Amino acid sequence: MLSWAITFLIIALIAAVLGFGGIAGTAVGIAKILFFVFIVLFVIALVFNRRTPTA
């Protein structure tokens, strides 16, 4: 999912350089959403995959 966020960010940067403001804004919005979803899923995975030490 992080790769999708980076892909949309690169698309947004290229579109901004070429002057396509609407496409760049949309791509940045999608990249932000995907990035935050990735962060939430990452934190959830860290919390639920904790192992208890065996005594």
PDB file of N, CA and C in Angstrom:
ATOM      1  N   MET A   1       0.824  -1.188   0.000  1.00  0.00           N
ATOM      2  CA  MET A   1       0.000   0.000   0.000  1.00  0.00           C
ATOM      3  C   MET A   1       0.869   1.252   0.000  1.00  0.00           C
ATOM      4  N   LEU A   2       1.998   1.174   0.661  1.00  0.00           N
ATOM      5  CA  LEU A   2       2.901   2.319   0.673  1.00  0.00           C
ATOM      6  C   LEU A   2       3.415   2.602  -0.733  1.00  0.00           C
ATOM      7  N   SER A   3       3.610   1.555  -1.517  1.00  0.00           N
ATOM      8  CA  SER A   3       4.077   1.761  -2.897  1.00  0.00           C
ATOM      9  C   SER A   3       3.024   2.493  -3.727  1.00  0.00           C
ATOM     10  N   TRP A   4       1.737   2.230  -3.462  1.00  0.00           N
ATOM     11  CA  TRP A   4       0.678   2.954  -4.171  1.00  0.00           C
ATOM     12  C   TRP A   4       0.698   4.432  -3.801  1.00  0.00           C
ATOM     13  N   ALA A   5       0.916   4.732  -2.530  1.00  0.00           N
ATOM     14  CA  ALA A   5       0.972   6.123  -2.089  1.00  0.00           C
ATOM     15  C   ALA A   5       2.137   6.851  -2.755  1.00  0.00           C
ATOM     16  N   ILE A   6       3.274   6.189  -2.822  1.00  0.00           N
ATOM     17  CA  ILE A   6       4.443   6.798  -3.474  1.00  0.00           C
ATOM     18  C   ILE A   6       4.190   6.976  -4.962  1.00  0.00           C
ATOM     19  N   THR A   7       3.530   6.003  -5.589  1.00  0.00           N
ATOM     20  CA  THR A   7       3.210   6.107  -7.012  1.00  0.00           C
ATOM     21  C   THR A   7       2.315   7.314  -7.291  1.00  0.00           C
ATOM     22  N   PHE A   8       1.266   7.495  -6.485  1.00  0.00           N
ATOM     23  CA  PHE A   8       0.379   8.635  -6.687  1.00  0.00           C
ATOM     24  C   PHE A   8       1.094   9.951  -6.401  1.00  0.00           C
ATOM     25  N   LEU A   9       2.022   9.950  -5.458  1.00  0.00           N
ATOM     26  CA  LEU A   9       2.790  11.160  -5.187  1.00  0.00           C
ATOM     27  C   LEU A   9       3.666  11.523  -6.377  1.00  0.00           C
ATOM     28  N   ILE A  10       4.284  10.550  -6.994  1.00  0.00           N
ATOM     29  CA  ILE A  10       5.115  10.808  -8.176  1.00  0.00           C
ATOM     30  C   ILE A  10       4.253  11.291  -9.329  1.00  0.00           C
ATOM     31  N   ILE A  11       3.087  10.688  -9.514  1.00  0.00           N
ATOM     32  CA  ILE A  11       2.164  11.141 -10.558  1.00  0.00           C
ATOM     33  C   ILE A  11       1.764  12.592 -10.312  1.00  0.00           C
ATOM     34  N   ALA A  12       1.509  12.931  -9.052  1.00  0.00           N
ATOM     35  CA  ALA A  12       1.128  14.304  -8.713  1.00  0.00           C
ATOM     36  C   ALA A  12       2.261  15.276  -9.011  1.00  0.00           C
ATOM     37  N   LEU A  13       3.477  14.905  -8.694  1.00  0.00           N
ATOM     38  CA  LEU A  13       4.613  15.791  -8.965  1.00  0.00           C
ATOM     39  C   LEU A  13       4.814  16.006 -10.456  1.00  0.00           C
ATOM     40  N   ILE A  14       4.701  14.949 -11.240  1.00  0.00           N
ATOM     41  CA  ILE A  14       4.851  15.072 -12.691  1.00  0.00           C
ATOM     42  C   ILE A  14       3.721  15.916 -13.271  1.00  0.00           C
ATOM     43  N   ALA A  15       2.498  15.692 -12.811  1.00  0.00           N
ATOM     44  CA  ALA A  15       1.361  16.473 -13.306  1.00  0.00           C
ATOM     45  C   ALA A  15       1.503  17.945 -12.927  1.00  0.00           C
ATOM     46  N   ALA A  16       2.030  18.227 -11.732  1.00  0.00           N
ATOM     47  CA  ALA A  16       2.211  19.617 -11.316  1.00  0.00           C
ATOM     48  C   ALA A  16       3.263  20.305 -12.171  1.00  0.00           C
ATOM     49  N   VAL A  17       4.337  19.598 -12.489  1.00  0.00           N
ATOM     50  CA  VAL A  17       5.392  20.182 -13.325  1.00  0.00           C
ATOM     51  C   VAL A  17       4.863  20.474 -14.722  1.00  0.00           C
ATOM     52  N   LEU A  18       4.003  19.603 -15.235  1.00  0.00           N
ATOM     53  CA  LEU A  18       3.467  19.789 -16.587  1.00  0.00           C
ATOM     54  C   LEU A  18       2.282  20.748 -16.622  1.00  0.00           C
ATOM     55  N   GLY A  19       1.814  21.198 -15.469  1.00  0.00           N
ATOM     56  CA  GLY A  19       0.768  22.200 -15.433  1.00  0.00           C
ATOM     57  C   GLY A  19      -0.651  21.672 -15.298  1.00  0.00           C
ATOM     58  N   PHE A  20      -0.804  20.414 -15.001  1.00  0.00           N
ATOM     59  CA  PHE A  20      -2.133  19.841 -14.827  1.00  0.00           C
ATOM     60  C   PHE A  20      -2.514  19.928 -13.348  1.00  0.00           C
ATOM     61  N   GLY A  21      -3.043  21.059 -12.941  1.00  0.00           N
ATOM     62  CA  GLY A  21      -3.322  21.313 -11.534  1.00  0.00           C
ATOM     63  C   GLY A  21      -4.389  20.415 -10.941  1.00  0.00           C
ATOM     64  N   GLY A  22      -5.464  20.170 -11.677  1.00  0.00           N
ATOM     65  CA  GLY A  22      -6.551  19.343 -11.163  1.00  0.00           C
ATOM     66  C   GLY A  22      -6.124  17.908 -10.939  1.00  0.00           C
ATOM     67  N   ILE A  23      -5.396  17.365 -11.893  1.00  0.00           N
ATOM     68  CA  ILE A  23      -4.912  15.989 -11.770  1.00  0.00           C
ATOM     69  C   ILE A  23      -3.903  15.886 -10.632  1.00  0.00           C
ATOM     70  N   ALA A  24      -3.047  16.889 -10.509  1.00  0.00           N
ATOM     71  CA  ALA A  24      -2.044  16.879  -9.443  1.00  0.00           C
ATOM     72  C   ALA A  24      -2.720  16.922  -8.069  1.00  0.00           C
ATOM     73  N   GLY A  25      -3.725  17.762  -7.927  1.00  0.00           N
ATOM     74  CA  GLY A  25      -4.436  17.853  -6.650  1.00  0.00           C
ATOM     75  C   GLY A  25      -5.136  16.565  -6.284  1.00  0.00           C
ATOM     76  N   THR A  26      -5.751  15.936  -7.261  1.00  0.00           N
ATOM     77  CA  THR A  26      -6.436  14.666  -7.018  1.00  0.00           C
ATOM     78  C   THR A  26      -5.440  13.580  -6.632  1.00  0.00           C
ATOM     79  N   ALA A  27      -4.320  13.514  -7.341  1.00  0.00           N
ATOM     80  CA  ALA A  27      -3.306  12.501  -7.042  1.00  0.00           C
ATOM     81  C   ALA A  27      -2.706  12.704  -5.655  1.00  0.00           C
ATOM     82  N   VAL A  28      -2.501  13.949  -5.264  1.00  0.00           N
ATOM     83  CA  VAL A  28      -1.974  14.228  -3.923  1.00  0.00           C
ATOM     84  C   VAL A  28      -2.984  13.796  -2.869  1.00  0.00           C
ATOM     85  N   GLY A  29      -4.252  14.058  -3.100  1.00  0.00           N
ATOM     86  CA  GLY A  29      -5.289  13.635  -2.157  1.00  0.00           C
ATOM     87  C   GLY A  29      -5.327  12.129  -1.988  1.00  0.00           C
ATOM     88  N   ILE A  30      -5.242  11.415  -3.093  1.00  0.00           N
ATOM     89  CA  ILE A  30      -5.239   9.951  -3.031  1.00  0.00           C
ATOM     90  C   ILE A  30      -3.994   9.450  -2.308  1.00  0.00           C
ATOM     91  N   ALA A  31      -2.848  10.067  -2.590  1.00  0.00           N
ATOM     92  CA  ALA A  31      -1.604   9.657  -1.938  1.00  0.00           C
ATOM     93  C   ALA A  31      -1.680   9.867  -0.427  1.00  0.00           C
ATOM     94  N   LYS A  32      -2.269  10.980   0.002  1.00  0.00           N
ATOM     95  CA  LYS A  32      -2.402  11.236   1.443  1.00  0.00           C
ATOM     96  C   LYS A  32      -3.293  10.196   2.103  1.00  0.00           C
ATOM     97  N   ILE A  33      -4.421   9.895   1.476  1.00  0.00           N
ATOM     98  CA  ILE A  33      -5.348   8.911   2.033  1.00  0.00           C
ATOM     99  C   ILE A  33      -4.676   7.547   2.145  1.00  0.00           C
ATOM    100  N   LEU A  34      -3.994   7.116   1.079  1.00  0.00           N
ATOM    101  CA  LEU A  34      -3.338   5.816   1.104  1.00  0.00           C
ATOM    102  C   LEU A  34      -2.227   5.764   2.144  1.00  0.00           C
ATOM    103  N   PHE A  35      -1.502   6.876   2.301  1.00  0.00           N
ATOM    104  CA  PHE A  35      -0.420   6.916   3.287  1.00  0.00           C
ATOM    105  C   PHE A  35      -0.967   6.753   4.698  1.00  0.00           C
ATOM    106  N   PHE A  36      -2.043   7.460   5.020  1.00  0.00           N
ATOM    107  CA  PHE A  36      -2.596   7.360   6.371  1.00  0.00           C
ATOM    108  C   PHE A  36      -3.245   5.998   6.622  1.00  0.00           C
ATOM    109  N   VAL A  37      -3.849   5.410   5.592  1.00  0.00           N
ATOM    110  CA  VAL A  37      -4.394   4.058   5.741  1.00  0.00           C
ATOM    111  C   VAL A  37      -3.253   3.080   6.005  1.00  0.00           C
ATOM    112  N   PHE A  38      -2.134   3.245   5.295  1.00  0.00           N
ATOM    113  CA  PHE A  38      -0.976   2.390   5.513  1.00  0.00           C
ATOM    114  C   PHE A  38      -0.458   2.518   6.946  1.00  0.00           C
ATOM    115  N   ILE A  39      -0.366   3.746   7.443  1.00  0.00           N
ATOM    116  CA  ILE A  39       0.126   3.967   8.802  1.00  0.00           C
ATOM    117  C   ILE A  39      -0.800   3.296   9.821  1.00  0.00           C
ATOM    118  N   VAL A  40      -2.110   3.440   9.649  1.00  0.00           N
ATOM    119  CA  VAL A  40      -3.066   2.829  10.581  1.00  0.00           C
ATOM    120  C   VAL A  40      -2.946   1.310  10.552  1.00  0.00           C
ATOM    121  N   LEU A  41      -2.871   0.730   9.366  1.00  0.00           N
ATOM    122  CA  LEU A  41      -2.744  -0.720   9.267  1.00  0.00           C
ATOM    123  C   LEU A  41      -1.421  -1.207   9.856  1.00  0.00           C
ATOM    124  N   PHE A  42      -0.363  -0.430   9.685  1.00  0.00           N
ATOM    125  CA  PHE A  42       0.933  -0.781  10.247  1.00  0.00           C
ATOM    126  C   PHE A  42       0.887  -0.802  11.773  1.00  0.00           C
ATOM    127  N   VAL A  43       0.258   0.209  12.369  1.00  0.00           N
ATOM    128  CA  VAL A  43       0.151   0.270  13.830  1.00  0.00           C
ATOM    129  C   VAL A  43      -0.714  -0.879  14.349  1.00  0.00           C
ATOM    130  N   ILE A  44      -1.806  -1.171  13.657  1.00  0.00           N
ATOM    131  CA  ILE A  44      -2.661  -2.287  14.059  1.00  0.00           C
ATOM    132  C   ILE A  44      -1.897  -3.602  13.995  1.00  0.00           C
ATOM    133  N   ALA A  45      -1.108  -3.789  12.957  1.00  0.00           N
ATOM    134  CA  ALA A  45      -0.314  -5.006  12.829  1.00  0.00           C
ATOM    135  C   ALA A  45       0.712  -5.107  13.948  1.00  0.00           C
ATOM    136  N   LEU A  46       1.315  -3.996  14.323  1.00  0.00           N
ATOM    137  CA  LEU A  46       2.280  -4.017  15.424  1.00  0.00           C
ATOM    138  C   LEU A  46       1.607  -4.380  16.743  1.00  0.00           C
ATOM    139  N   VAL A  47       0.433  -3.853  16.982  1.00  0.00           N
ATOM    140  CA  VAL A  47      -0.256  -4.104  18.248  1.00  0.00           C
ATOM    141  C   VAL A  47      -0.707  -5.553  18.345  1.00  0.00           C
ATOM    142  N   PHE A  48      -1.273  -6.099  17.293  1.00  0.00           N
ATOM    143  CA  PHE A  48      -1.830  -7.445  17.359  1.00  0.00           C
ATOM    144  C   PHE A  48      -0.797  -8.545  17.177  1.00  0.00           C
ATOM    145  N   ASN A  49       0.401  -8.214  16.732  1.00  0.00           N
ATOM    146  CA  ASN A  49       1.419  -9.244  16.529  1.00  0.00           C
ATOM    147  C   ASN A  49       2.432  -9.293  17.662  1.00  0.00           C
ATOM    148  N   ARG A  50       2.112  -8.681  18.781  1.00  0.00           N
ATOM    149  CA  ARG A  50       3.011  -8.759  19.929  1.00  0.00           C
ATOM    150  C   ARG A  50       3.001 -10.170  20.488  1.00  0.00           C
ATOM    151  N   ARG A  51       4.187 -10.632  20.800  1.00  0.00           N
ATOM    152  CA  ARG A  51       4.296 -11.979  21.375  1.00  0.00           C
ATOM    153  C   ARG A  51       4.579 -11.853  22.861  1.00  0.00           C
ATOM    154  N   THR A  52       3.932 -12.690  23.618  1.00  0.00           N
ATOM    155  CA  THR A  52       4.176 -12.666  25.057  1.00  0.00           C
ATOM    156  C   THR A  52       5.384 -13.539  25.352  1.00  0.00           C
ATOM    157  N   PRO A  53       6.257 -13.078  26.232  1.00  0.00           N
ATOM    158  CA  PRO A  53       7.443 -13.891  26.540  1.00  0.00           C
ATOM    159  C   PRO A  53       7.049 -15.132  27.355  1.00  0.00           C
ATOM    160  N   THR A  54       7.673 -16.228  27.010  1.00  0.00           N
ATOM    161  CA  THR A  54       7.395 -17.467  27.739  1.00  0.00           C
ATOM    162  C   THR A  54       8.311 -17.542  28.958  1.00  0.00           C
ATOM    163  N   ALA A  55       7.749 -17.920  30.052  1.00  0.00           N
ATOM    164  CA  ALA A  55       8.538 -17.943  31.294  1.00  0.00           C
ATOM    165  C   ALA A  55       9.089 -19.307  31.580  1.00  0.00           C
TER     166      ALA A  55
END
